[in-house]
PDB file of N, CA and C in Angstrom:
ATOM      1  N   MET A   1       0.846  -1.046   0.014  1.00  0.00           N
ATOM      2  CA  MET A   1       0.125   0.079   0.125  1.00  0.00           C
ATOM      3  C   MET A   1       0.869   1.175   0.070  1.00  0.00           C
ATOM      4  N   LYS A   2       0.406   2.317  -0.621  1.00  0.00           N
ATOM      5  CA  LYS A   2       1.194   3.595  -0.808  1.00  0.00           C
ATOM      6  C   LYS A   2       1.516   4.197   0.432  1.00  0.00           C
ATOM      7  N   VAL A   3       0.537   3.903   1.592  1.00  0.00           N
ATOM      8  CA  VAL A   3       0.895   4.863   2.889  1.00  0.00           C
ATOM      9  C   VAL A   3       2.294   3.993   3.422  1.00  0.00           C
ATOM     10  N   CYS A   4       2.194   2.745   3.491  1.00  0.00           N
ATOM     11  CA  CYS A   4       3.423   1.850   3.854  1.00  0.00           C
ATOM     12  C   CYS A   4       4.683   2.437   3.292  1.00  0.00           C
ATOM     13  N   LEU A   5       4.784   2.399   1.992  1.00  0.00           N
ATOM     14  CA  LEU A   5       5.756   2.640   1.099  1.00  0.00           C
ATOM     15  C   LEU A   5       6.294   4.129   1.407  1.00  0.00           C
ATOM     16  N   ALA A   6       5.338   5.282   1.421  1.00  0.00           N
ATOM     17  CA  ALA A   6       5.565   6.551   1.892  1.00  0.00           C
ATOM     18  C   ALA A   6       6.237   6.475   3.199  1.00  0.00           C
ATOM     19  N   ALA A   7       5.841   5.811   4.022  1.00  0.00           N
ATOM     20  CA  ALA A   7       6.248   5.914   5.601  1.00  0.00           C
ATOM     21  C   ALA A   7       7.586   5.420   5.514  1.00  0.00           C
ATOM     22  N   LEU A   8       7.841   4.320   4.881  1.00  0.00           N
ATOM     23  CA  LEU A   8       9.238   3.630   4.780  1.00  0.00           C
ATOM     24  C   LEU A   8      10.251   4.605   4.236  1.00  0.00           C
ATOM     25  N   MET A   9       9.824   5.097   3.102  1.00  0.00           N
ATOM     26  CA  MET A   9      10.617   6.069   2.240  1.00  0.00           C
ATOM     27  C   MET A   9      11.101   7.488   3.053  1.00  0.00           C
ATOM     28  N   ALA A  10      10.114   7.954   3.601  1.00  0.00           N
ATOM     29  CA  ALA A  10      10.426   9.076   4.561  1.00  0.00           C
ATOM     30  C   ALA A  10      11.339   8.828   5.694  1.00  0.00           C
ATOM     31  N   GLN A  11      11.178   7.656   6.534  1.00  0.00           N
ATOM     32  CA  GLN A  11      11.767   7.345   7.517  1.00  0.00           C
ATOM     33  C   GLN A  11      13.301   7.112   7.151  1.00  0.00           C
ATOM     34  N   VAL A  12      13.561   6.590   6.057  1.00  0.00           N
ATOM     35  CA  VAL A  12      14.985   6.289   5.580  1.00  0.00           C
ATOM     36  C   VAL A  12      15.658   7.565   4.896  1.00  0.00           C
ATOM     37  N   GLY A  13      14.680   8.700   4.777  1.00  0.00           N
ATOM     38  CA  GLY A  13      15.244  10.128   4.330  1.00  0.00           C
ATOM     39  C   GLY A  13      15.185  10.252   2.735  1.00  0.00           C
ATOM     40  N   ALA A  14      14.433   9.288   2.271  1.00  0.00           N
ATOM     41  CA  ALA A  14      14.229   9.338   0.624  1.00  0.00           C
ATOM     42  C   ALA A  14      13.197  10.343   0.324  1.00  0.00           C
ATOM     43  N   TRP A  15      12.981  10.745  -0.910  1.00  0.00           N
ATOM     44  CA  TRP A  15      12.027  11.629  -1.332  1.00  0.00           C
ATOM     45  C   TRP A  15      10.793  10.988  -1.509  1.00  0.00           C
ATOM     46  N   VAL A  16       9.843  11.753  -0.890  1.00  0.00           N
ATOM     47  CA  VAL A  16       8.257  11.142  -1.038  1.00  0.00           C
ATOM     48  C   VAL A  16       7.463  11.930  -1.758  1.00  0.00           C
ATOM     49  N   PRO A  17       6.739  11.428  -2.643  1.00  0.00           N
ATOM     50  CA  PRO A  17       5.885  12.082  -3.607  1.00  0.00           C
ATOM     51  C   PRO A  17       4.716  12.739  -3.054  1.00  0.00           C
ATOM     52  N   ALA A  18       4.937  13.762  -1.978  1.00  0.00           N
ATOM     53  CA  ALA A  18       3.827  14.533  -1.555  1.00  0.00           C
ATOM     54  C   ALA A  18       4.113  16.041  -1.411  1.00  0.00           C
ATOM     55  N   HIS A  19       2.857  16.806  -1.324  1.00  0.00           N
ATOM     56  CA  HIS A  19       3.152  18.259  -1.211  1.00  0.00           C
ATOM     57  C   HIS A  19       3.717  18.484   0.199  1.00  0.00           C
ATOM     58  N   SER A  20       3.250  17.893   1.134  1.00  0.00           N
ATOM     59  CA  SER A  20       3.784  18.047   2.503  1.00  0.00           C
ATOM     60  C   SER A  20       3.613  16.716   3.164  1.00  0.00           C
ATOM     61  N   LEU A  21       4.349  16.363   4.309  1.00  0.00           N
ATOM     62  CA  LEU A  21       4.249  15.229   5.097  1.00  0.00           C
ATOM     63  C   LEU A  21       4.846  15.522   6.426  1.00  0.00           C
ATOM     64  N   THR A  22       3.901  14.974   7.252  1.00  0.00           N
ATOM     65  CA  THR A  22       4.251  15.190   8.645  1.00  0.00           C
ATOM     66  C   THR A  22       4.186  13.589   9.097  1.00  0.00           C
ATOM     67  N   LEU A  23       5.474  13.177   9.711  1.00  0.00           N
ATOM     68  CA  LEU A  23       5.489  11.740   9.948  1.00  0.00           C
ATOM     69  C   LEU A  23       5.860  11.468  11.370  1.00  0.00           C
ATOM     70  N   THR A  24       5.316  10.423  12.186  1.00  0.00           N
ATOM     71  CA  THR A  24       5.906  10.023  13.241  1.00  0.00           C
ATOM     72  C   THR A  24       6.573   8.707  13.066  1.00  0.00           C
ATOM     73  N   PRO A  25       7.811   8.669  13.421  1.00  0.00           N
ATOM     74  CA  PRO A  25       8.407   7.383  12.858  1.00  0.00           C
ATOM     75  C   PRO A  25       7.787   5.986  13.518  1.00  0.00           C
ATOM     76  N   VAL A  26       7.878   5.013  12.551  1.00  0.00           N
ATOM     77  CA  VAL A  26       7.228   3.728  13.028  1.00  0.00           C
ATOM     78  C   VAL A  26       8.311   2.770  13.451  1.00  0.00           C
ATOM     79  N   ASP A  27       7.898   2.034  14.415  1.00  0.00           N
ATOM     80  CA  ASP A  27       9.016   0.678  14.810  1.00  0.00           C
ATOM     81  C   ASP A  27       8.882  -0.315  13.997  1.00  0.00           C
ATOM     82  N   ALA A  28       7.750  -0.691  13.298  1.00  0.00           N
ATOM     83  CA  ALA A  28       7.487  -1.681  12.272  1.00  0.00           C
ATOM     84  C   ALA A  28       6.393  -1.410  11.251  1.00  0.00           C
ATOM     85  N   ILE A  29       6.348  -1.980  10.262  1.00  0.00           N
ATOM     86  CA  ILE A  29       5.343  -1.987   9.401  1.00  0.00           C
ATOM     87  C   ILE A  29       4.830  -3.361   8.928  1.00  0.00           C
ATOM     88  N   PHE A  30       3.685  -3.704   9.074  1.00  0.00           N
ATOM     89  CA  PHE A  30       3.063  -4.837   8.889  1.00  0.00           C
ATOM     90  C   PHE A  30       2.007  -4.822   7.895  1.00  0.00           C
ATOM     91  N   VAL A  31       2.311  -5.696   6.735  1.00  0.00           N
ATOM     92  CA  VAL A  31       1.368  -5.619   5.509  1.00  0.00           C
ATOM     93  C   VAL A  31       0.681  -6.989   5.370  1.00  0.00           C
ATOM     94  N   ARG A  32      -0.565  -7.052   5.120  1.00  0.00           N
ATOM     95  CA  ARG A  32      -1.190  -8.371   4.796  1.00  0.00           C
ATOM     96  C   ARG A  32      -1.997  -8.026   3.664  1.00  0.00           C
ATOM     97  N   MET A  33      -1.488  -8.295   2.192  1.00  0.00           N
ATOM     98  CA  MET A  33      -2.459  -8.230   1.189  1.00  0.00           C
ATOM     99  C   MET A  33      -2.414  -9.351   0.110  1.00  0.00           C
ATOM    100  N   GLY A  34      -3.321  -9.403  -0.574  1.00  0.00           N
ATOM    101  CA  GLY A  34      -3.413 -10.365  -1.676  1.00  0.00           C
ATOM    102  C   GLY A  34      -3.774 -11.842  -1.208  1.00  0.00           C
ATOM    103  N   ALA A  35      -3.745 -12.760  -2.013  1.00  0.00           N
ATOM    104  CA  ALA A  35      -4.235 -14.041  -1.698  1.00  0.00           C
ATOM    105  C   ALA A  35      -3.018 -14.894  -2.262  1.00  0.00           C
ATOM    106  N   LYS A  36      -2.527 -15.820  -1.201  1.00  0.00           N
ATOM    107  CA  LYS A  36      -1.617 -16.889  -1.510  1.00  0.00           C
ATOM    108  C   LYS A  36      -2.028 -18.121  -0.694  1.00  0.00           C
ATOM    109  N   ASP A  37      -1.504 -19.169  -0.965  1.00  0.00           N
ATOM    110  CA  ASP A  37      -1.681 -20.311  -0.147  1.00  0.00           C
ATOM    111  C   ASP A  37      -0.262 -21.075  -0.193  1.00  0.00           C
ATOM    112  N   ASP A  38      -0.438 -22.097   0.656  1.00  0.00           N
ATOM    113  CA  ASP A  38       0.538 -23.164   0.674  1.00  0.00           C
ATOM    114  C   ASP A  38       0.217 -24.448   0.771  1.00  0.00           C
ATOM    115  N   VAL A  39      -0.297 -24.907  -0.462  1.00  0.00           N
ATOM    116  CA  VAL A  39      -1.145 -26.141  -0.662  1.00  0.00           C
ATOM    117  C   VAL A  39      -0.274 -27.489  -0.072  1.00  0.00           C
ATOM    118  N   MET A  40       1.176 -27.253  -0.584  1.00  0.00           N
ATOM    119  CA  MET A  40       2.057 -28.399  -0.453  1.00  0.00           C
ATOM    120  C   MET A  40       2.083 -28.675   1.122  1.00  0.00           C
ATOM    121  N   SER A  41       1.831 -27.600   1.961  1.00  0.00           N
ATOM    122  CA  SER A  41       1.889 -27.866   3.519  1.00  0.00           C
ATOM    123  C   SER A  41       0.562 -28.033   3.939  1.00  0.00           C
ATOM    124  N   GLY A  42      -0.624 -28.008   3.034  1.00  0.00           N
ATOM    125  CA  GLY A  42      -1.986 -28.259   3.732  1.00  0.00           C
ATOM    126  C   GLY A  42      -2.555 -27.140   4.182  1.00  0.00           C
ATOM    127  N   GLN A  43      -1.965 -25.657   3.739  1.00  0.00           N
ATOM    128  CA  GLN A  43      -2.439 -24.425   4.247  1.00  0.00           C
ATOM    129  C   GLN A  43      -3.207 -23.683   3.143  1.00  0.00           C
ATOM    130  N   SER A  44      -4.457 -23.541   3.385  1.00  0.00           N
ATOM    131  CA  SER A  44      -5.500 -22.823   2.344  1.00  0.00           C
ATOM    132  C   SER A  44      -5.048 -21.234   2.465  1.00  0.00           C
ATOM    133  N   THR A  45      -5.756 -20.711   1.469  1.00  0.00           N
ATOM    134  CA  THR A  45      -5.345 -19.263   1.346  1.00  0.00           C
ATOM    135  C   THR A  45      -5.978 -18.582   2.664  1.00  0.00           C
ATOM    136  N   PHE A  46      -7.253 -18.998   3.157  1.00  0.00           N
ATOM    137  CA  PHE A  46      -7.880 -18.586   4.358  1.00  0.00           C
ATOM    138  C   PHE A  46      -6.846 -18.587   5.534  1.00  0.00           C
ATOM    139  N   PHE A  47      -6.347 -19.907   5.650  1.00  0.00           N
ATOM    140  CA  PHE A  47      -5.315 -20.198   6.823  1.00  0.00           C
ATOM    141  C   PHE A  47      -4.172 -19.097   6.844  1.00  0.00           C
ATOM    142  N   VAL A  48      -3.608 -19.106   5.641  1.00  0.00           N
ATOM    143  CA  VAL A  48      -2.478 -18.124   5.432  1.00  0.00           C
ATOM    144  C   VAL A  48      -2.760 -16.843   5.875  1.00  0.00           C
ATOM    145  N   GLU A  49      -4.085 -16.233   5.173  1.00  0.00           N
ATOM    146  CA  GLU A  49      -4.456 -14.993   5.484  1.00  0.00           C
ATOM    147  C   GLU A  49      -4.509 -14.789   6.988  1.00  0.00           C
ATOM    148  N   LEU A  50      -5.062 -15.794   7.867  1.00  0.00           N
ATOM    149  CA  LEU A  50      -5.201 -15.413   9.230  1.00  0.00           C
ATOM    150  C   LEU A  50      -4.178 -15.737   9.960  1.00  0.00           C
ATOM    151  N   ALA A  51      -3.187 -16.577   9.433  1.00  0.00           N
ATOM    152  CA  ALA A  51      -1.729 -16.682  10.184  1.00  0.00           C
ATOM    153  C   ALA A  51      -1.108 -15.235  10.178  1.00  0.00           C
ATOM    154  N   GLU A  52      -1.036 -14.704   8.919  1.00  0.00           N
ATOM    155  CA  GLU A  52      -0.427 -13.467   8.670  1.00  0.00           C
ATOM    156  C   GLU A  52      -0.992 -12.328   9.482  1.00  0.00           C
ATOM    157  N   THR A  53      -2.216 -12.181   9.626  1.00  0.00           N
ATOM    158  CA  THR A  53      -3.043 -11.178  10.483  1.00  0.00           C
ATOM    159  C   THR A  53      -2.805 -11.624  11.895  1.00  0.00           C
ATOM    160  N   ALA A  54      -2.734 -12.688  12.364  1.00  0.00           N
ATOM    161  CA  ALA A  54      -2.302 -13.016  13.701  1.00  0.00           C
ATOM    162  C   ALA A  54      -0.997 -12.463  13.999  1.00  0.00           C
ATOM    163  N   ALA A  55      -0.104 -12.860  13.073  1.00  0.00           N
ATOM    164  CA  ALA A  55       1.435 -12.436  13.468  1.00  0.00           C
ATOM    165  C   ALA A  55       1.469 -10.608  13.599  1.00  0.00           C
ATOM    166  N   ALA A  56       0.636 -10.176  12.720  1.00  0.00           N
ATOM    167  CA  ALA A  56       0.731  -8.729  12.838  1.00  0.00           C
ATOM    168  C   ALA A  56      -0.159  -8.077  14.337  1.00  0.00           C
ATOM    169  N   LEU A  57      -1.249  -8.772  14.598  1.00  0.00           N
ATOM    170  CA  LEU A  57      -1.898  -8.563  15.790  1.00  0.00           C
ATOM    171  C   LEU A  57      -0.971  -8.715  16.896  1.00  0.00           C
ATOM    172  N   ASN A  58      -0.207  -9.977  16.950  1.00  0.00           N
ATOM    173  CA  ASN A  58       0.622 -10.154  18.259  1.00  0.00           C
ATOM    174  C   ASN A  58       1.630  -9.420  18.229  1.00  0.00           C
ATOM    175  N   ARG A  59       2.357  -8.882  17.268  1.00  0.00           N
ATOM    176  CA  ARG A  59       3.632  -8.133  17.246  1.00  0.00           C
ATOM    177  C   ARG A  59       3.416  -6.599  17.054  1.00  0.00           C
ATOM    178  N   ALA A  60       2.346  -6.102  16.711  1.00  0.00           N
ATOM    179  CA  ALA A  60       2.337  -4.617  16.549  1.00  0.00           C
ATOM    180  C   ALA A  60       2.330  -4.077  18.018  1.00  0.00           C
ATOM    181  N   THR A  61       2.838  -2.696  17.927  1.00  0.00           N
ATOM    182  CA  THR A  61       2.937  -1.879  19.113  1.00  0.00           C
ATOM    183  C   THR A  61       2.227  -0.586  18.864  1.00  0.00           C
ATOM    184  N   PRO A  62       2.017   0.209  19.708  1.00  0.00           N
ATOM    185  CA  PRO A  62       1.426   1.675  19.404  1.00  0.00           C
ATOM    186  C   PRO A  62       2.082   2.417  18.450  1.00  0.00           C
ATOM    187  N   ALA A  63       3.319   2.179  18.122  1.00  0.00           N
ATOM    188  CA  ALA A  63       4.286   2.781  17.151  1.00  0.00           C
ATOM    189  C   ALA A  63       4.232   2.115  15.936  1.00  0.00           C
ATOM    190  N   SER A  64       3.576   1.028  15.795  1.00  0.00           N
ATOM    191  CA  SER A  64       3.543   0.240  14.374  1.00  0.00           C
ATOM    192  C   SER A  64       2.601   1.070  13.502  1.00  0.00           C
ATOM    193  N   LEU A  65       2.848   0.380  12.198  1.00  0.00           N
ATOM    194  CA  LEU A  65       1.715   0.724  11.006  1.00  0.00           C
ATOM    195  C   LEU A  65       1.427  -0.426  10.508  1.00  0.00           C
ATOM    196  N   VAL A  66       0.020  -0.766  10.486  1.00  0.00           N
ATOM    197  CA  VAL A  66      -0.323  -2.205  10.130  1.00  0.00           C
ATOM    198  C   VAL A  66      -1.336  -1.709   8.899  1.00  0.00           C
ATOM    199  N   ALA A  67      -1.035  -2.391   7.729  1.00  0.00           N
ATOM    200  CA  ALA A  67      -1.976  -2.284   6.369  1.00  0.00           C
ATOM    201  C   ALA A  67      -2.516  -3.537   6.038  1.00  0.00           C
ATOM    202  N   LEU A  68      -3.945  -3.735   6.072  1.00  0.00           N
ATOM    203  CA  LEU A  68      -4.466  -4.870   5.830  1.00  0.00           C
ATOM    204  C   LEU A  68      -5.411  -4.618   4.365  1.00  0.00           C
ATOM    205  N   ASP A  69      -5.469  -5.689   3.573  1.00  0.00           N
ATOM    206  CA  ASP A  69      -6.304  -5.647   2.511  1.00  0.00           C
ATOM    207  C   ASP A  69      -6.896  -6.869   2.172  1.00  0.00           C
ATOM    208  N   GLU A  70      -8.009  -6.852   1.669  1.00  0.00           N
ATOM    209  CA  GLU A  70      -8.839  -8.199   1.448  1.00  0.00           C
ATOM    210  C   GLU A  70      -9.034  -9.234   2.623  1.00  0.00           C
ATOM    211  N   LEU A  71      -9.328  -8.697   3.820  1.00  0.00           N
ATOM    212  CA  LEU A  71      -9.271  -9.472   4.930  1.00  0.00           C
ATOM    213  C   LEU A  71     -10.543 -10.056   5.050  1.00  0.00           C
ATOM    214  N   GLY A  72     -10.603 -11.190   5.148  1.00  0.00           N
ATOM    215  CA  GLY A  72     -11.829 -12.133   5.057  1.00  0.00           C
ATOM    216  C   GLY A  72     -12.138 -12.465   3.697  1.00  0.00           C
ATOM    217  N   ARG A  73     -11.418 -12.198   2.614  1.00  0.00           N
ATOM    218  CA  ARG A  73     -11.971 -12.817   1.337  1.00  0.00           C
ATOM    219  C   ARG A  73     -12.026 -14.227   1.233  1.00  0.00           C
ATOM    220  N   GLY A  74     -12.799 -14.618   0.756  1.00  0.00           N
ATOM    221  CA  GLY A  74     -13.048 -16.205   0.370  1.00  0.00           C
ATOM    222  C   GLY A  74     -14.079 -16.746   1.378  1.00  0.00           C
ATOM    223  N   THR A  75     -14.723 -15.761   2.369  1.00  0.00           N
ATOM    224  CA  THR A  75     -15.581 -16.330   3.253  1.00  0.00           C
ATOM    225  C   THR A  75     -16.876 -15.891   3.042  1.00  0.00           C
ATOM    226  N   ALA A  76     -17.852 -16.285   3.558  1.00  0.00           N
ATOM    227  CA  ALA A  76     -19.211 -15.674   3.406  1.00  0.00           C
ATOM    228  C   ALA A  76     -19.185 -14.094   3.757  1.00  0.00           C
ATOM    229  N   THR A  77     -20.067 -13.102   3.351  1.00  0.00           N
ATOM    230  CA  THR A  77     -19.912 -11.858   3.791  1.00  0.00           C
ATOM    231  C   THR A  77     -19.959 -11.616   5.207  1.00  0.00           C
ATOM    232  N   SER A  78     -20.872 -12.174   5.705  1.00  0.00           N
ATOM    233  CA  SER A  78     -20.987 -11.984   7.110  1.00  0.00           C
ATOM    234  C   SER A  78     -19.805 -12.468   7.958  1.00  0.00           C
ATOM    235  N   ASP A  79     -19.236 -13.625   7.565  1.00  0.00           N
ATOM    236  CA  ASP A  79     -17.831 -14.103   8.270  1.00  0.00           C
ATOM    237  C   ASP A  79     -16.735 -13.129   8.054  1.00  0.00           C
ATOM    238  N   GLY A  80     -16.608 -12.601   6.703  1.00  0.00           N
ATOM    239  CA  GLY A  80     -15.476 -11.770   6.456  1.00  0.00           C
ATOM    240  C   GLY A  80     -15.802 -10.334   7.160  1.00  0.00           C
ATOM    241  N   ALA A  81     -17.044  -9.939   7.463  1.00  0.00           N
ATOM    242  CA  ALA A  81     -17.172  -8.735   8.068  1.00  0.00           C
ATOM    243  C   ALA A  81     -16.894  -8.727   9.631  1.00  0.00           C
ATOM    244  N   ALA A  82     -17.318  -9.923   9.995  1.00  0.00           N
ATOM    245  CA  ALA A  82     -17.005 -10.359  11.414  1.00  0.00           C
ATOM    246  C   ALA A  82     -15.383 -10.314  11.635  1.00  0.00           C
ATOM    247  N   ILE A  83     -14.696 -10.966  10.873  1.00  0.00           N
ATOM    248  CA  ILE A  83     -13.333 -11.121  11.054  1.00  0.00           C
ATOM    249  C   ILE A  83     -12.657  -9.723  11.077  1.00  0.00           C
ATOM    250  N   ALA A  84     -13.120  -8.723   9.910  1.00  0.00           N
ATOM    251  CA  ALA A  84     -12.584  -7.548   9.607  1.00  0.00           C
ATOM    252  C   ALA A  84     -12.873  -6.721  11.162  1.00  0.00           C
ATOM    253  N   ALA A  85     -14.037  -6.645  11.343  1.00  0.00           N
ATOM    254  CA  ALA A  85     -14.630  -5.926  12.675  1.00  0.00           C
ATOM    255  C   ALA A  85     -13.562  -6.304  13.854  1.00  0.00           C
ATOM    256  N   ALA A  86     -13.324  -7.541  14.030  1.00  0.00           N
ATOM    257  CA  ALA A  86     -12.621  -7.958  15.233  1.00  0.00           C
ATOM    258  C   ALA A  86     -11.046  -7.550  15.057  1.00  0.00           C
ATOM    259  N   VAL A  87     -10.653  -7.505  14.100  1.00  0.00           N
ATOM    260  CA  VAL A  87      -9.362  -7.285  13.658  1.00  0.00           C
ATOM    261  C   VAL A  87      -9.207  -5.599  14.161  1.00  0.00           C
ATOM    262  N   LEU A  88      -9.929  -4.844  13.396  1.00  0.00           N
ATOM    263  CA  LEU A  88      -9.960  -3.534  13.419  1.00  0.00           C
ATOM    264  C   LEU A  88     -10.177  -3.100  14.910  1.00  0.00           C
ATOM    265  N   ASP A  89     -11.077  -3.762  15.630  1.00  0.00           N
ATOM    266  CA  ASP A  89     -11.564  -3.386  17.078  1.00  0.00           C
ATOM    267  C   ASP A  89     -10.252  -3.749  17.975  1.00  0.00           C
ATOM    268  N   HIS A  90      -9.502  -4.797  17.653  1.00  0.00           N
ATOM    269  CA  HIS A  90      -8.248  -5.052  18.361  1.00  0.00           C
ATOM    270  C   HIS A  90      -6.881  -4.074  18.250  1.00  0.00           C
ATOM    271  N   LEU A  91      -6.995  -3.579  16.915  1.00  0.00           N
ATOM    272  CA  LEU A  91      -5.847  -2.663  16.471  1.00  0.00           C
ATOM    273  C   LEU A  91      -6.209  -1.325  16.961  1.00  0.00           C
ATOM    274  N   SER A  92      -7.601  -0.849  17.202  1.00  0.00           N
ATOM    275  CA  SER A  92      -8.010   0.501  17.456  1.00  0.00           C
ATOM    276  C   SER A  92      -7.994   0.538  18.935  1.00  0.00           C
ATOM    277  N   ALA A  93      -8.617  -0.492  19.707  1.00  0.00           N
ATOM    278  CA  ALA A  93      -8.702  -0.390  21.039  1.00  0.00           C
ATOM    279  C   ALA A  93      -7.636  -0.851  22.070  1.00  0.00           C
ATOM    280  N   LYS A  94      -7.005  -1.986  21.642  1.00  0.00           N
ATOM    281  CA  LYS A  94      -6.055  -2.642  22.382  1.00  0.00           C
ATOM    282  C   LYS A  94      -4.561  -2.246  21.941  1.00  0.00           C
ATOM    283  N   THR A  95      -4.176  -2.292  20.695  1.00  0.00           N
ATOM    284  CA  THR A  95      -2.979  -1.967  20.077  1.00  0.00           C
ATOM    285  C   THR A  95      -2.723  -0.408  19.904  1.00  0.00           C
ATOM    286  N   CYS A  96      -3.815   0.269  19.600  1.00  0.00           N
ATOM    287  CA  CYS A  96      -3.716   1.617  19.353  1.00  0.00           C
ATOM    288  C   CYS A  96      -2.701   2.163  18.420  1.00  0.00           C
ATOM    289  N   CYS A  97      -2.457   1.285  17.462  1.00  0.00           N
ATOM    290  CA  CYS A  97      -1.467   1.700  16.472  1.00  0.00           C
ATOM    291  C   CYS A  97      -2.177   2.291  15.127  1.00  0.00           C
ATOM    292  N   ARG A  98      -1.285   2.885  14.135  1.00  0.00           N
ATOM    293  CA  ARG A  98      -1.755   3.325  12.970  1.00  0.00           C
ATOM    294  C   ARG A  98      -2.035   2.271  12.171  1.00  0.00           C
ATOM    295  N   PHE A  99      -3.347   2.439  11.260  1.00  0.00           N
ATOM    296  CA  PHE A  99      -3.754   1.463  10.557  1.00  0.00           C
ATOM    297  C   PHE A  99      -4.316   1.899   9.295  1.00  0.00           C
ATOM    298  N   SER A 100      -4.191   1.285   8.206  1.00  0.00           N
ATOM    299  CA  SER A 100      -4.727   1.301   6.715  1.00  0.00           C
ATOM    300  C   SER A 100      -5.156   0.153   6.219  1.00  0.00           C
ATOM    301  N   SER A 101      -6.315   0.400   5.620  1.00  0.00           N
ATOM    302  CA  SER A 101      -7.181  -0.773   5.192  1.00  0.00           C
ATOM    303  C   SER A 101      -7.602  -0.381   3.669  1.00  0.00           C
ATOM    304  N   GLY A 102      -7.855  -1.672   3.019  1.00  0.00           N
ATOM    305  CA  GLY A 102      -8.340  -1.784   1.619  1.00  0.00           C
ATOM    306  C   GLY A 102      -9.944  -1.497   1.684  1.00  0.00           C
ATOM    307  N   PRO A 103     -10.672  -1.590   0.604  1.00  0.00           N
ATOM    308  CA  PRO A 103     -12.108  -1.534   0.304  1.00  0.00           C
ATOM    309  C   PRO A 103     -12.741  -2.286   1.438  1.00  0.00           C
ATOM    310  N   PRO A 104     -12.464  -3.751   1.649  1.00  0.00           N
ATOM    311  CA  PRO A 104     -13.466  -4.523   2.443  1.00  0.00           C
ATOM    312  C   PRO A 104     -13.668  -4.101   3.961  1.00  0.00           C
ATOM    313  N   LEU A 105     -12.798  -3.321   4.534  1.00  0.00           N
ATOM    314  CA  LEU A 105     -12.890  -2.717   5.846  1.00  0.00           C
ATOM    315  C   LEU A 105     -13.716  -1.521   5.974  1.00  0.00           C
ATOM    316  N   HIS A 106     -13.870  -0.862   4.922  1.00  0.00           N
ATOM    317  CA  HIS A 106     -14.458   0.437   5.009  1.00  0.00           C
ATOM    318  C   HIS A 106     -15.934   0.465   5.403  1.00  0.00           C
ATOM    319  N   GLY A 107     -16.648  -0.509   5.566  1.00  0.00           N
ATOM    320  CA  GLY A 107     -18.023  -0.478   6.273  1.00  0.00           C
ATOM    321  C   GLY A 107     -17.974  -0.831   7.681  1.00  0.00           C
ATOM    322  N   CYS A 108     -16.868  -1.044   8.170  1.00  0.00           N
ATOM    323  CA  CYS A 108     -16.753  -1.304   9.658  1.00  0.00           C
ATOM    324  C   CYS A 108     -16.848   0.056  10.446  1.00  0.00           C
ATOM    325  N   THR A 109     -17.872   0.143  11.605  1.00  0.00           N
ATOM    326  CA  THR A 109     -17.910   1.333  12.425  1.00  0.00           C
ATOM    327  C   THR A 109     -17.970   0.625  13.833  1.00  0.00           C
ATOM    328  N   PHE A 110     -17.395   1.604  14.677  1.00  0.00           N
ATOM    329  CA  PHE A 110     -17.307   1.325  16.257  1.00  0.00           C
ATOM    330  C   PHE A 110     -17.618   2.388  17.038  1.00  0.00           C
ATOM    331  N   HIS A 111     -18.167   2.057  18.082  1.00  0.00           N
ATOM    332  CA  HIS A 111     -18.427   3.096  19.139  1.00  0.00           C
ATOM    333  C   HIS A 111     -17.557   3.159  20.269  1.00  0.00           C
TER     334      HIS A 111
END
């Protein structure tokens, strides 16, 4: 995602294609995007997706940047929305880190 690339470029002192940029340095960038599987090891796309998401949830700190795209893809709409809502709730309420998402998470709202 562009946000992660811009954060990384700015943090190492490279030129960033922006009119202006205010950046708080990040300690880690976690990205979960696209679909992949490991059929030879018996791991479905859904399993790999959740394993990668779990790694980000377990290692992210308040100073981290987490980018997730296509979370819950390949599940029923309500299942995918429930997974996305739970992940977003954890990142916003417990981890309190910066977060960027793709279109599937845009419908999630919290109070």
